[in-house]
């Protein structure tokens, strides 16, 4: 996957997580292996283990393999692998742009921005969605026609906490469970698969940017979305929540003529290049 830093430097990398997912979802053998892994009992057992002290044995190899600079994070003793995965970065290393007319990134991630059309399809964690299928709400999706879908893709080495992008009033959370369905896996060398990840969304009413839909996309296995608030008055840069193990994606939907996205991000997205962005960094502004 090609990525570009904000200084223009182009990088190309594919981490271990990407390679594993390609095998699991892109081959018949991988999907045969994946099916039992998605059973609720397997997910619960795996999630429970990652919250035990024994799972701390996984931390050091993970840090070493992914070349994570732990000096950037608050020095604490982790009680489990999940405790490590949701570690907090030192606040001074993620300053939040204070200009209320600047649109900020909610998280550390690789960003793609796409115009929203009725038939626009985009891929999140190896699944194709439209805005309507992502939200399971065609009426809400229609309100964002002509606007932008901002896709913030987190990988396992990213900081897995995310924030609100503006002051405003947040509506309650809407949770959509994930599904996996395969057809005749033993009868075909290549068989169809239908998959959706669990996800949660809420609407943020703001003065500067209108109504923003904030969507967190989890994982089929042990990935978990943890949001701190239900209906709530929130502040720009305030932590909204975090992802437990599984890696994930944040999607923001904005309406037509509300946000001017930075030119480098739009240019990169048009060339199918992700832009590396950080929590609290300016990525656009009011029109």
Protein backbone atom coordinates (compact mmCIF):
# COMPACT_ATOMS: atom_id res chain seq x y z
CA UNK A 1 0.00 0.00 0.00
CA UNK A 2 1.40 3.40 -0.98
CA UNK A 3 1.40 6.14 1.63
CA UNK A 4 2.61 9.73 1.63
CA UNK A 5 3.78 11.80 4.57
CA UNK A 6 2.55 15.39 4.85
CA UNK A 7 6.01 16.57 3.75
CA UNK A 8 5.44 14.80 0.43
CA UNK A 9 7.71 11.80 0.99
CA UNK A 10 6.25 8.65 -0.59
CA UNK A 11 6.57 5.37 1.30
CA UNK A 12 5.36 1.89 0.45
CA UNK A 13 4.82 -0.79 3.04
CA UNK A 14 2.60 -3.74 3.81
CA UNK A 15 2.54 -4.79 7.42
CA UNK A 16 2.05 -8.33 8.71
CA UNK A 17 -1.59 -7.67 9.54
CA UNK A 18 -2.33 -6.70 5.92
CA UNK A 19 -0.65 -9.83 4.60
CA UNK A 20 -2.54 -12.12 7.00
CA UNK A 21 -5.90 -10.56 6.10
CA UNK A 22 -5.20 -10.94 2.39
CA UNK A 23 -4.61 -14.67 2.88
CA UNK A 24 -7.65 -15.13 5.16
CA UNK A 25 -10.13 -13.26 2.99
CA UNK A 26 -8.51 -13.67 -0.42
CA UNK A 27 -8.10 -17.46 -0.66
CA UNK A 28 -10.45 -20.42 -0.32
CA UNK A 29 -8.15 -22.08 2.22
CA UNK A 30 -7.95 -18.88 4.24
CA UNK A 31 -11.73 -18.55 4.42
CA UNK A 32 -12.09 -22.17 5.49
CA UNK A 33 -9.67 -21.42 8.33
CA UNK A 34 -11.39 -18.14 9.17
CA UNK A 35 -14.94 -19.48 9.57
CA UNK A 36 -14.45 -21.28 12.93
CA UNK A 37 -12.38 -18.36 14.23
CA UNK A 38 -15.44 -16.10 13.98
CA UNK A 39 -17.61 -18.23 16.26
CA UNK A 40 -18.66 -16.17 19.31
CA UNK A 41 -17.08 -18.62 21.76
CA UNK A 42 -13.68 -18.34 20.01
CA UNK A 43 -13.86 -14.55 19.98
CA UNK A 44 -14.76 -14.45 23.68
CA UNK A 45 -11.95 -16.81 24.67
CA UNK A 46 -9.39 -14.86 22.63
CA UNK A 47 -10.59 -11.55 24.03
CA UNK A 48 -10.52 -12.88 27.58
CA UNK A 49 -6.94 -14.14 27.17
CA UNK A 50 -5.72 -10.77 25.89
CA UNK A 51 -7.02 -9.21 29.12
CA UNK A 52 -5.07 -11.58 31.39
CA UNK A 53 -1.62 -10.97 32.93
CA UNK A 54 -0.27 -13.96 30.95
CA UNK A 55 -0.89 -12.08 27.70
CA UNK A 56 1.83 -9.58 28.75
CA UNK A 57 4.29 -12.09 27.27
CA UNK A 58 3.11 -10.92 23.83
CA UNK A 59 4.05 -7.27 24.40
CA UNK A 60 7.83 -7.26 23.98
CA UNK A 61 7.85 -9.31 20.74
CA UNK A 62 5.12 -7.06 19.32
CA UNK A 63 7.04 -3.88 20.16
CA UNK A 64 10.22 -5.27 18.64
CA UNK A 65 8.58 -6.56 15.46
CA UNK A 66 6.70 -3.30 14.78
CA UNK A 67 9.58 -1.01 15.85
CA UNK A 68 7.39 0.95 18.26
CA UNK A 69 9.13 3.79 20.09
CA UNK A 70 7.85 3.26 23.64
CA UNK A 71 9.52 6.47 24.87
CA UNK A 72 6.57 8.31 23.27
CA UNK A 73 4.07 6.71 25.65
CA UNK A 74 3.23 7.27 29.30
CA UNK A 75 5.49 5.04 31.44
CA UNK A 76 3.18 2.54 33.14
CA UNK A 77 3.26 -1.14 34.01
CA UNK A 78 0.81 -2.96 31.74
CA UNK A 79 -1.59 -5.47 33.28
CA UNK A 80 -2.36 -7.27 29.99
CA UNK A 81 -1.82 -7.12 26.25
CA UNK A 82 -5.05 -5.15 25.82
CA UNK A 83 -3.86 -2.72 28.49
CA UNK A 84 -0.72 -2.21 26.40
CA UNK A 85 -2.68 -1.93 23.14
CA UNK A 86 -4.71 1.04 24.45
CA UNK A 87 -1.61 2.75 25.92
CA UNK A 88 -1.70 6.56 26.15
CA UNK A 89 0.76 8.70 24.27
CA UNK A 90 2.39 11.68 26.01
CA UNK A 91 0.03 14.64 25.53
CA UNK A 92 2.75 17.00 24.28
CA UNK A 93 3.38 14.66 21.34
CA UNK A 94 -0.18 15.03 20.02
CA UNK A 95 -1.02 18.74 20.22
CA UNK A 96 -4.53 19.51 18.96
CA UNK A 97 -4.83 22.35 16.44
CA UNK A 98 -6.76 25.00 18.38
CA UNK A 99 -8.23 26.96 15.45
CA UNK A 100 -11.97 26.13 15.52
CA UNK A 101 -12.19 26.64 11.74
CA UNK A 102 -9.58 23.96 11.08
CA UNK A 103 -10.86 20.42 10.58
CA UNK A 104 -8.62 17.98 12.46
CA UNK A 105 -7.79 14.30 12.23
CA UNK A 106 -9.44 12.27 15.01
CA UNK A 107 -6.55 9.78 15.19
CA UNK A 108 -3.14 8.58 14.02
CA UNK A 109 -3.87 6.81 10.74
CA UNK A 110 -3.54 6.53 7.00
CA UNK A 111 -6.20 8.78 5.42
CA UNK A 112 -8.17 8.53 2.19
CA UNK A 113 -10.87 11.09 1.31
CA UNK A 114 -13.56 10.22 -1.26
CA UNK A 115 -16.49 12.27 -2.62
CA UNK A 116 -19.83 10.73 -1.66
CA UNK A 117 -22.10 9.72 -4.53
CA UNK A 118 -25.09 7.38 -4.50
CA UNK A 119 -23.12 4.53 -6.08
CA UNK A 120 -19.73 5.33 -4.51
CA UNK A 121 -18.16 2.19 -3.05
CA UNK A 122 -15.16 2.01 -0.77
CA UNK A 123 -13.29 -0.75 0.98
CA UNK A 124 -12.97 -0.97 4.77
CA UNK A 125 -11.03 -3.91 6.19
CA UNK A 126 -11.46 -6.00 3.03
CA UNK A 127 -15.22 -5.35 2.73
CA UNK A 128 -16.93 -3.14 0.14
CA UNK A 129 -19.53 -0.65 1.41
CA UNK A 130 -21.65 2.24 0.23
CA UNK A 131 -22.48 4.94 2.76
CA UNK A 132 -26.00 3.50 3.05
CA UNK A 133 -24.78 -0.07 3.68
CA UNK A 134 -22.19 1.16 6.16
CA UNK A 135 -24.83 3.00 8.21
CA UNK A 136 -27.72 0.61 7.50
CA UNK A 137 -29.70 3.82 7.10
CA UNK A 138 -30.50 5.08 3.57
CA UNK A 139 -32.32 8.21 4.79
CA UNK A 140 -29.29 9.37 6.78
CA UNK A 141 -26.89 8.45 3.98
CA UNK A 142 -28.79 10.61 1.45
CA UNK A 143 -28.14 13.70 3.57
CA UNK A 144 -24.41 13.35 2.89
CA UNK A 145 -24.60 13.07 -0.90
CA UNK A 146 -22.07 15.43 -2.48
CA UNK A 147 -20.02 15.58 0.71
CA UNK A 148 -16.94 13.62 1.71
CA UNK A 149 -16.20 10.26 3.31
CA UNK A 150 -12.92 10.47 5.24
CA UNK A 151 -11.45 7.02 5.89
CA UNK A 152 -8.82 6.85 8.64
CA UNK A 153 -7.19 3.41 8.54
CA UNK A 154 -5.33 2.40 11.69
CA UNK A 155 -2.73 -0.38 11.68
CA UNK A 156 -1.47 -2.33 14.68
CA UNK A 157 1.46 0.05 15.24
CA UNK A 158 -0.77 3.15 15.43
CA UNK A 159 -2.00 4.97 18.53
CA UNK A 160 -5.47 3.45 19.04
CA UNK A 161 -7.27 6.30 20.76
CA UNK A 162 -9.40 8.84 18.87
CA UNK A 163 -10.93 12.25 19.59
CA UNK A 164 -13.80 14.55 18.66
CA UNK A 165 -12.98 16.84 15.74
CA UNK A 166 -15.08 19.81 16.90
CA UNK A 167 -17.05 21.22 19.81
CA UNK A 168 -20.66 20.13 19.63
CA UNK A 169 -23.48 17.93 20.85
CA UNK A 170 -23.11 14.22 20.26
CA UNK A 171 -26.14 12.01 19.69
CA UNK A 172 -26.39 8.52 21.19
CA UNK A 173 -24.38 5.63 19.70
CA UNK A 174 -25.85 3.24 17.14
CA UNK A 175 -24.20 -0.20 17.15
CA UNK A 176 -24.25 -2.53 14.12
CA UNK A 177 -22.98 -6.09 14.73
CA UNK A 178 -20.61 -7.79 12.30
CA UNK A 179 -21.50 -10.81 10.17
CA UNK A 180 -19.68 -13.47 8.14
CA UNK A 181 -21.40 -15.82 5.72
CA UNK A 182 -19.83 -18.24 3.27
CA UNK A 183 -21.62 -20.31 0.62
CA UNK A 184 -20.84 -24.00 -0.10
CA UNK A 185 -17.23 -23.84 1.16
CA UNK A 186 -16.63 -27.56 0.46
CA UNK A 187 -18.19 -27.62 -3.00
CA UNK A 188 -16.03 -24.99 -4.68
CA UNK A 189 -12.35 -24.19 -4.93
CA UNK A 190 -13.33 -20.54 -4.78
CA UNK A 191 -16.49 -19.67 -2.94
CA UNK A 192 -18.26 -16.37 -2.30
CA UNK A 193 -18.02 -14.64 1.04
CA UNK A 194 -20.17 -11.92 2.57
CA UNK A 195 -18.60 -10.08 5.46
CA UNK A 196 -19.32 -6.95 7.47
CA UNK A 197 -17.37 -5.72 10.46
CA UNK A 198 -19.00 -4.57 13.67
CA UNK A 199 -19.29 -0.81 13.80
CA UNK A 200 -20.72 2.02 15.85
CA UNK A 201 -21.72 5.50 14.74
CA UNK A 202 -23.06 8.73 16.18
CA UNK A 203 -23.92 12.17 14.83
CA UNK A 204 -22.03 15.21 16.09
CA UNK A 205 -23.89 18.54 15.71
CA UNK A 206 -21.31 21.32 15.25
CA UNK A 207 -21.40 25.04 14.53
CA UNK A 208 -18.38 25.14 12.20
CA UNK A 209 -18.86 21.98 10.13
CA UNK A 210 -22.55 21.10 10.36
CA UNK A 211 -23.61 17.57 11.28
CA UNK A 212 -20.75 15.07 11.16
CA UNK A 213 -21.29 11.30 11.26
CA UNK A 214 -18.47 9.63 13.22
CA UNK A 215 -18.14 5.88 12.61
CA UNK A 216 -15.80 3.43 14.33
CA UNK A 217 -15.26 0.12 12.55
CA UNK A 218 -14.20 -2.85 14.65
CA UNK A 219 -13.07 -6.36 13.70
CA UNK A 220 -14.76 -9.71 13.22
CA UNK A 221 -12.55 -11.43 15.78
CA UNK A 222 -11.58 -9.83 19.07
CA UNK A 223 -11.53 -6.19 18.00
CA UNK A 224 -13.62 -4.04 20.32
CA UNK A 225 -14.88 -0.47 20.10
CA UNK A 226 -14.95 1.41 23.42
CA UNK A 227 -16.71 4.80 23.32
CA UNK A 228 -16.80 6.90 26.49
CA UNK A 229 -20.05 8.82 25.98
CA UNK A 230 -23.64 8.40 24.91
CA UNK A 231 -25.55 11.65 24.23
CA UNK A 232 -23.11 14.30 25.41
CA UNK A 233 -21.79 17.84 24.92
CA UNK A 234 -18.22 17.38 23.72
CA UNK A 235 -15.09 19.42 23.12
CA UNK A 236 -12.69 19.52 20.19
CA UNK A 237 -9.73 17.22 20.88
CA UNK A 238 -11.50 15.47 23.78
CA UNK A 239 -10.94 11.72 23.72
CA UNK A 240 -13.99 9.98 22.24
CA UNK A 241 -12.82 6.40 22.79
CA UNK A 242 -10.37 3.71 21.80
CA UNK A 243 -10.03 0.37 20.02
CA UNK A 244 -8.91 -2.75 21.80
CA UNK A 245 -6.84 -5.31 19.88
CA UNK A 246 -7.78 -5.92 16.25
CA UNK A 247 -6.75 -2.74 14.52
CA UNK A 248 -9.53 -0.60 13.11
CA UNK A 249 -10.86 2.27 11.10
CA UNK A 250 -12.57 5.59 11.78
CA UNK A 251 -14.84 7.09 9.11
CA UNK A 252 -16.11 10.66 9.14
CA UNK A 253 -18.94 11.81 6.87
CA UNK A 254 -19.42 15.52 6.19
CA UNK A 255 -22.13 17.20 4.14
CA UNK A 256 -21.68 19.05 0.86
CA UNK A 257 -20.04 22.51 1.05
CA UNK A 258 -19.04 22.30 4.72
CA UNK A 259 -15.34 21.35 4.68
CA UNK A 260 -12.46 22.22 2.35
CA UNK A 261 -10.03 19.28 2.50
CA UNK A 262 -6.30 20.09 2.24
CA UNK A 263 -5.16 19.85 -1.37
CA UNK A 264 -2.35 17.32 -0.76
CA UNK A 265 -4.81 14.86 0.81
CA UNK A 266 -7.27 15.14 -2.10
CA UNK A 267 -4.45 14.75 -4.64
CA UNK A 268 -3.09 11.67 -2.85
CA UNK A 269 -6.55 10.12 -2.55
CA UNK A 270 -7.21 10.62 -6.28
CA UNK A 271 -4.00 8.64 -6.95
CA UNK A 272 -5.00 5.87 -4.49
CA UNK A 273 -2.28 6.97 -2.07
CA UNK A 274 -3.05 7.21 1.65
CA UNK A 275 -1.85 10.27 3.58
CA UNK A 276 -0.24 9.66 6.97
CA UNK A 277 -1.92 11.93 9.54
CA UNK A 278 -1.75 12.37 13.31
CA UNK A 279 -4.30 12.85 16.11
CA UNK A 280 -5.31 16.54 16.27
CA UNK A 281 -3.56 17.57 13.05
CA UNK A 282 -5.23 19.97 10.57
CA UNK A 283 -6.53 18.19 7.48
CA UNK A 284 -9.01 20.81 6.21
CA UNK A 285 -10.95 23.97 7.09
CA UNK A 286 -14.38 25.56 6.89
CA UNK A 287 -15.57 26.79 3.51
